[in-house]
Amino acid sequence: MKQQILAIDDSKAIRFLLQTVLSKQFDVITIPDGCSAMYWLSKKKLPDLFIIDPQLPDMENWELIQHLSSSGIFGDIPIVVLSALNDVETKNKCEEYGAASYFLKPFNPVDLLGDVTKVLSQSKIDNYTLKAS
């Protein structure tokens, strides 16, 4: 069974790109805003990874990332950030919220695929180690 990624970005073009690049290896669900993401999470199983734009039309900047990273339910799910904000702010906020990785828009989809694969394989190792101890 493929690992599942929940990608949240208001840009239809970015969602299409993520679906195209990642769907060969992963089950990719794309959602345009934070409220739809929270609704989906309330109804479905947990994804293995989030890809999130910190600027969503229905929330303050970084609000969804802050909520997910501090949540007891979602806090252990890795987050990859796709940001159009400046590099310094993005880097600082990603460190603050414990994001596994971040990319500034425009980004190289091949690099993103490599990072997502690495983060998910590391996540699998970490989960196995926790279950084995």
C-alpha atoms as a PDB file:
ATOM      1  CA  MET A   1       0.000   0.000   0.000  1.00  0.00           C
ATOM      2  CA  LYS A   2       1.301   3.441  -0.932  1.00  0.00           C
ATOM      3  CA  GLN A   3       2.074   5.971   1.777  1.00  0.00           C
ATOM      4  CA  GLN A   4      -0.404   8.840   1.823  1.00  0.00           C
ATOM      5  CA  ILE A   5       0.425  12.540   1.478  1.00  0.00           C
ATOM      6  CA  LEU A   6      -2.009  15.346   2.230  1.00  0.00           C
ATOM      7  CA  ALA A   7      -0.981  18.411   0.190  1.00  0.00           C
ATOM      8  CA  ILE A   8      -2.607  21.729   1.105  1.00  0.00           C
ATOM      9  CA  ASP A   9      -2.034  24.672  -1.250  1.00  0.00           C
ATOM     10  CA  ASP A  10      -4.437  27.266  -2.646  1.00  0.00           C
ATOM     11  CA  SER A  11      -2.747  27.214  -6.067  1.00  0.00           C
ATOM     12  CA  LYS A  12      -4.456  24.814  -8.454  1.00  0.00           C
ATOM     13  CA  ALA A  13      -1.244  24.657 -10.525  1.00  0.00           C
ATOM     14  CA  ILE A  14       0.844  23.650  -7.486  1.00  0.00           C
ATOM     15  CA  ARG A  15      -1.715  21.001  -6.480  1.00  0.00           C
ATOM     16  CA  PHE A  16      -1.657  19.602 -10.026  1.00  0.00           C
ATOM     17  CA  LEU A  17       2.160  19.601 -10.024  1.00  0.00           C
ATOM     18  CA  LEU A  18       2.308  17.804  -6.661  1.00  0.00           C
ATOM     19  CA  GLN A  19      -0.237  15.227  -7.833  1.00  0.00           C
ATOM     20  CA  THR A  20       1.701  14.652 -11.063  1.00  0.00           C
ATOM     21  CA  VAL A  21       5.166  14.410  -9.507  1.00  0.00           C
ATOM     22  CA  LEU A  22       4.335  12.436  -6.364  1.00  0.00           C
ATOM     23  CA  SER A  23       1.482  10.120  -7.400  1.00  0.00           C
ATOM     24  CA  LYS A  24       3.701   7.476  -9.005  1.00  0.00           C
ATOM     25  CA  GLN A  25       5.163   6.635  -5.580  1.00  0.00           C
ATOM     26  CA  PHE A  26       2.545   7.951  -3.156  1.00  0.00           C
ATOM     27  CA  ASP A  27      -1.195   8.287  -2.667  1.00  0.00           C
ATOM     28  CA  VAL A  28      -1.591  12.093  -2.936  1.00  0.00           C
ATOM     29  CA  ILE A  29      -4.655  13.963  -1.686  1.00  0.00           C
ATOM     30  CA  THR A  30      -4.708  17.666  -2.627  1.00  0.00           C
ATOM     31  CA  ILE A  31      -6.792  20.272  -0.809  1.00  0.00           C
ATOM     32  CA  PRO A  32      -7.069  24.050  -1.481  1.00  0.00           C
ATOM     33  CA  ASP A  33      -7.462  25.481   2.034  1.00  0.00           C
ATOM     34  CA  GLY A  34      -7.099  24.932   5.765  1.00  0.00           C
ATOM     35  CA  CYS A  35     -10.779  24.383   6.596  1.00  0.00           C
ATOM     36  CA  SER A  36     -11.136  21.708   3.910  1.00  0.00           C
ATOM     37  CA  ALA A  37      -7.969  20.063   5.242  1.00  0.00           C
ATOM     38  CA  MET A  38      -9.327  19.980   8.798  1.00  0.00           C
ATOM     39  CA  TYR A  39     -12.631  18.571   7.521  1.00  0.00           C
ATOM     40  CA  TRP A  40     -10.794  15.849   5.571  1.00  0.00           C
ATOM     41  CA  LEU A  41      -8.694  14.999   8.624  1.00  0.00           C
ATOM     42  CA  SER A  42     -11.828  14.699  10.749  1.00  0.00           C
ATOM     43  CA  LYS A  43     -13.286  12.099   8.356  1.00  0.00           C
ATOM     44  CA  LYS A  44     -10.345  10.041   7.128  1.00  0.00           C
ATOM     45  CA  LYS A  45      -7.323   8.160   8.371  1.00  0.00           C
ATOM     46  CA  LEU A  46      -4.171  10.075   9.145  1.00  0.00           C
ATOM     47  CA  PRO A  47      -1.756  10.805   6.278  1.00  0.00           C
ATOM     48  CA  ASP A  48       1.910   9.806   6.481  1.00  0.00           C
ATOM     49  CA  LEU A  49       3.075  13.328   5.552  1.00  0.00           C
ATOM     50  CA  PHE A  50       1.728  16.852   5.090  1.00  0.00           C
ATOM     51  CA  ILE A  51       2.866  19.263   2.370  1.00  0.00           C
ATOM     52  CA  ILE A  52       1.574  22.700   3.332  1.00  0.00           C
ATOM     53  CA  ASP A  53       1.714  26.256   2.019  1.00  0.00           C
ATOM     54  CA  PRO A  54       1.883  28.499   5.107  1.00  0.00           C
ATOM     55  CA  GLN A  55      -0.238  31.153   3.330  1.00  0.00           C
ATOM     56  CA  LEU A  56      -3.759  29.791   2.989  1.00  0.00           C
ATOM     57  CA  PRO A  57      -6.729  32.006   2.044  1.00  0.00           C
ATOM     58  CA  ASP A  58      -8.891  31.044   5.029  1.00  0.00           C
ATOM     59  CA  MET A  59      -6.272  31.236   7.794  1.00  0.00           C
ATOM     60  CA  GLU A  60      -3.539  33.466   9.140  1.00  0.00           C
ATOM     61  CA  ASN A  61      -0.023  32.740   7.849  1.00  0.00           C
ATOM     62  CA  TRP A  62       1.395  29.611   9.514  1.00  0.00           C
ATOM     63  CA  GLU A  63      -1.848  28.940  11.450  1.00  0.00           C
ATOM     64  CA  LEU A  64      -2.492  25.465  10.034  1.00  0.00           C
ATOM     65  CA  ILE A  65       1.151  24.426  10.416  1.00  0.00           C
ATOM     66  CA  GLN A  66       1.181  25.677  14.002  1.00  0.00           C
ATOM     67  CA  HIS A  67      -2.048  23.806  14.765  1.00  0.00           C
ATOM     68  CA  LEU A  68      -0.925  20.511  13.222  1.00  0.00           C
ATOM     69  CA  SER A  69       2.596  20.561  14.662  1.00  0.00           C
ATOM     70  CA  SER A  70       1.362  21.244  18.209  1.00  0.00           C
ATOM     71  CA  SER A  71      -1.506  18.738  18.067  1.00  0.00           C
ATOM     72  CA  GLY A  72      -1.449  15.512  20.044  1.00  0.00           C
ATOM     73  CA  ILE A  73      -3.101  13.753  17.111  1.00  0.00           C
ATOM     74  CA  PHE A  74      -1.158  15.219  14.175  1.00  0.00           C
ATOM     75  CA  GLY A  75       2.072  16.372  15.838  1.00  0.00           C
ATOM     76  CA  ASP A  76       4.095  13.282  14.872  1.00  0.00           C
ATOM     77  CA  ILE A  77       3.225  13.516  11.169  1.00  0.00           C
ATOM     78  CA  PRO A  78       6.113  15.129   9.224  1.00  0.00           C
ATOM     79  CA  ILE A  79       5.446  18.460   7.529  1.00  0.00           C
ATOM     80  CA  VAL A  80       7.106  19.726   4.355  1.00  0.00           C
ATOM     81  CA  VAL A  81       6.509  23.436   3.772  1.00  0.00           C
ATOM     82  CA  LEU A  82       6.135  25.054   0.318  1.00  0.00           C
ATOM     83  CA  SER A  83       6.502  28.772   0.907  1.00  0.00           C
ATOM     84  CA  ALA A  84       6.406  31.960  -1.153  1.00  0.00           C
ATOM     85  CA  LEU A  85       7.463  33.939   1.929  1.00  0.00           C
ATOM     86  CA  ASN A  86      11.039  35.138   2.387  1.00  0.00           C
ATOM     87  CA  ASP A  87      13.783  32.643   3.172  1.00  0.00           C
ATOM     88  CA  VAL A  88      14.599  33.930   6.674  1.00  0.00           C
ATOM     89  CA  GLU A  89      10.985  33.887   7.892  1.00  0.00           C
ATOM     90  CA  THR A  90      10.364  30.484   6.340  1.00  0.00           C
ATOM     91  CA  LYS A  91      13.512  28.974   7.854  1.00  0.00           C
ATOM     92  CA  ASN A  92      12.760  30.398  11.325  1.00  0.00           C
ATOM     93  CA  LYS A  93       9.106  29.314  11.318  1.00  0.00           C
ATOM     94  CA  CYS A  94       9.985  25.836  10.036  1.00  0.00           C
ATOM     95  CA  GLU A  95      12.479  25.434  12.876  1.00  0.00           C
ATOM     96  CA  GLU A  96       9.944  26.775  15.392  1.00  0.00           C
ATOM     97  CA  TYR A  97       7.232  24.355  14.262  1.00  0.00           C
ATOM     98  CA  GLY A  98       9.532  21.385  13.648  1.00  0.00           C
ATOM     99  CA  ALA A  99       8.949  21.052   9.914  1.00  0.00           C
ATOM    100  CA  ALA A 100      10.894  18.184   8.389  1.00  0.00           C
ATOM    101  CA  SER A 101      11.834  20.225   5.323  1.00  0.00           C
ATOM    102  CA  TYR A 102      10.916  23.344   3.369  1.00  0.00           C
ATOM    103  CA  PHE A 103      11.066  24.645  -0.180  1.00  0.00           C
ATOM    104  CA  LEU A 104      10.736  28.187  -1.443  1.00  0.00           C
ATOM    105  CA  LYS A 105       8.501  28.753  -4.474  1.00  0.00           C
ATOM    106  CA  PRO A 106       9.363  28.293  -7.252  1.00  0.00           C
ATOM    107  CA  PHE A 107      10.869  24.914  -6.383  1.00  0.00           C
ATOM    108  CA  ASN A 108      12.377  21.980  -8.235  1.00  0.00           C
ATOM    109  CA  PRO A 109       9.820  19.113  -8.218  1.00  0.00           C
ATOM    110  CA  VAL A 110      12.580  16.488  -8.494  1.00  0.00           C
ATOM    111  CA  ASP A 111      14.241  17.859  -5.341  1.00  0.00           C
ATOM    112  CA  LEU A 112      10.865  17.844  -3.578  1.00  0.00           C
ATOM    113  CA  LEU A 113      10.262  14.202  -4.539  1.00  0.00           C
ATOM    114  CA  GLY A 114      13.697  13.267  -3.199  1.00  0.00           C
ATOM    115  CA  ASP A 115      13.096  15.100   0.078  1.00  0.00           C
ATOM    116  CA  VAL A 116       9.609  13.624   0.549  1.00  0.00           C
ATOM    117  CA  THR A 117      10.969  10.133  -0.073  1.00  0.00           C
ATOM    118  CA  LYS A 118      13.782  10.722   2.438  1.00  0.00           C
ATOM    119  CA  VAL A 119      11.469  12.167   5.100  1.00  0.00           C
ATOM    120  CA  LEU A 120       8.975   9.317   4.744  1.00  0.00           C
ATOM    121  CA  SER A 121      11.649   6.609   4.856  1.00  0.00           C
ATOM    122  CA  GLN A 122      13.162   8.236   7.971  1.00  0.00           C
ATOM    123  CA  SER A 123       9.680   8.454   9.501  1.00  0.00           C
ATOM    124  CA  LYS A 124       9.170   4.718   8.881  1.00  0.00           C
ATOM    125  CA  ILE A 125      12.499   3.937  10.597  1.00  0.00           C
ATOM    126  CA  ASP A 126      11.597   6.149  13.569  1.00  0.00           C
ATOM    127  CA  ASN A 127       8.152   4.512  13.919  1.00  0.00           C
ATOM    128  CA  TYR A 128       9.661   1.035  13.710  1.00  0.00           C
ATOM    129  CA  THR A 129      12.249   1.912  16.357  1.00  0.00           C
ATOM    130  CA  LEU A 130       9.527   3.239  18.691  1.00  0.00           C
ATOM    131  CA  LYS A 131       7.381   0.100  18.242  1.00  0.00           C
ATOM    132  CA  ALA A 132      10.375  -2.223  18.726  1.00  0.00           C
ATOM    133  CA  SER A 133      11.483  -0.644  22.025  1.00  0.00           C
END
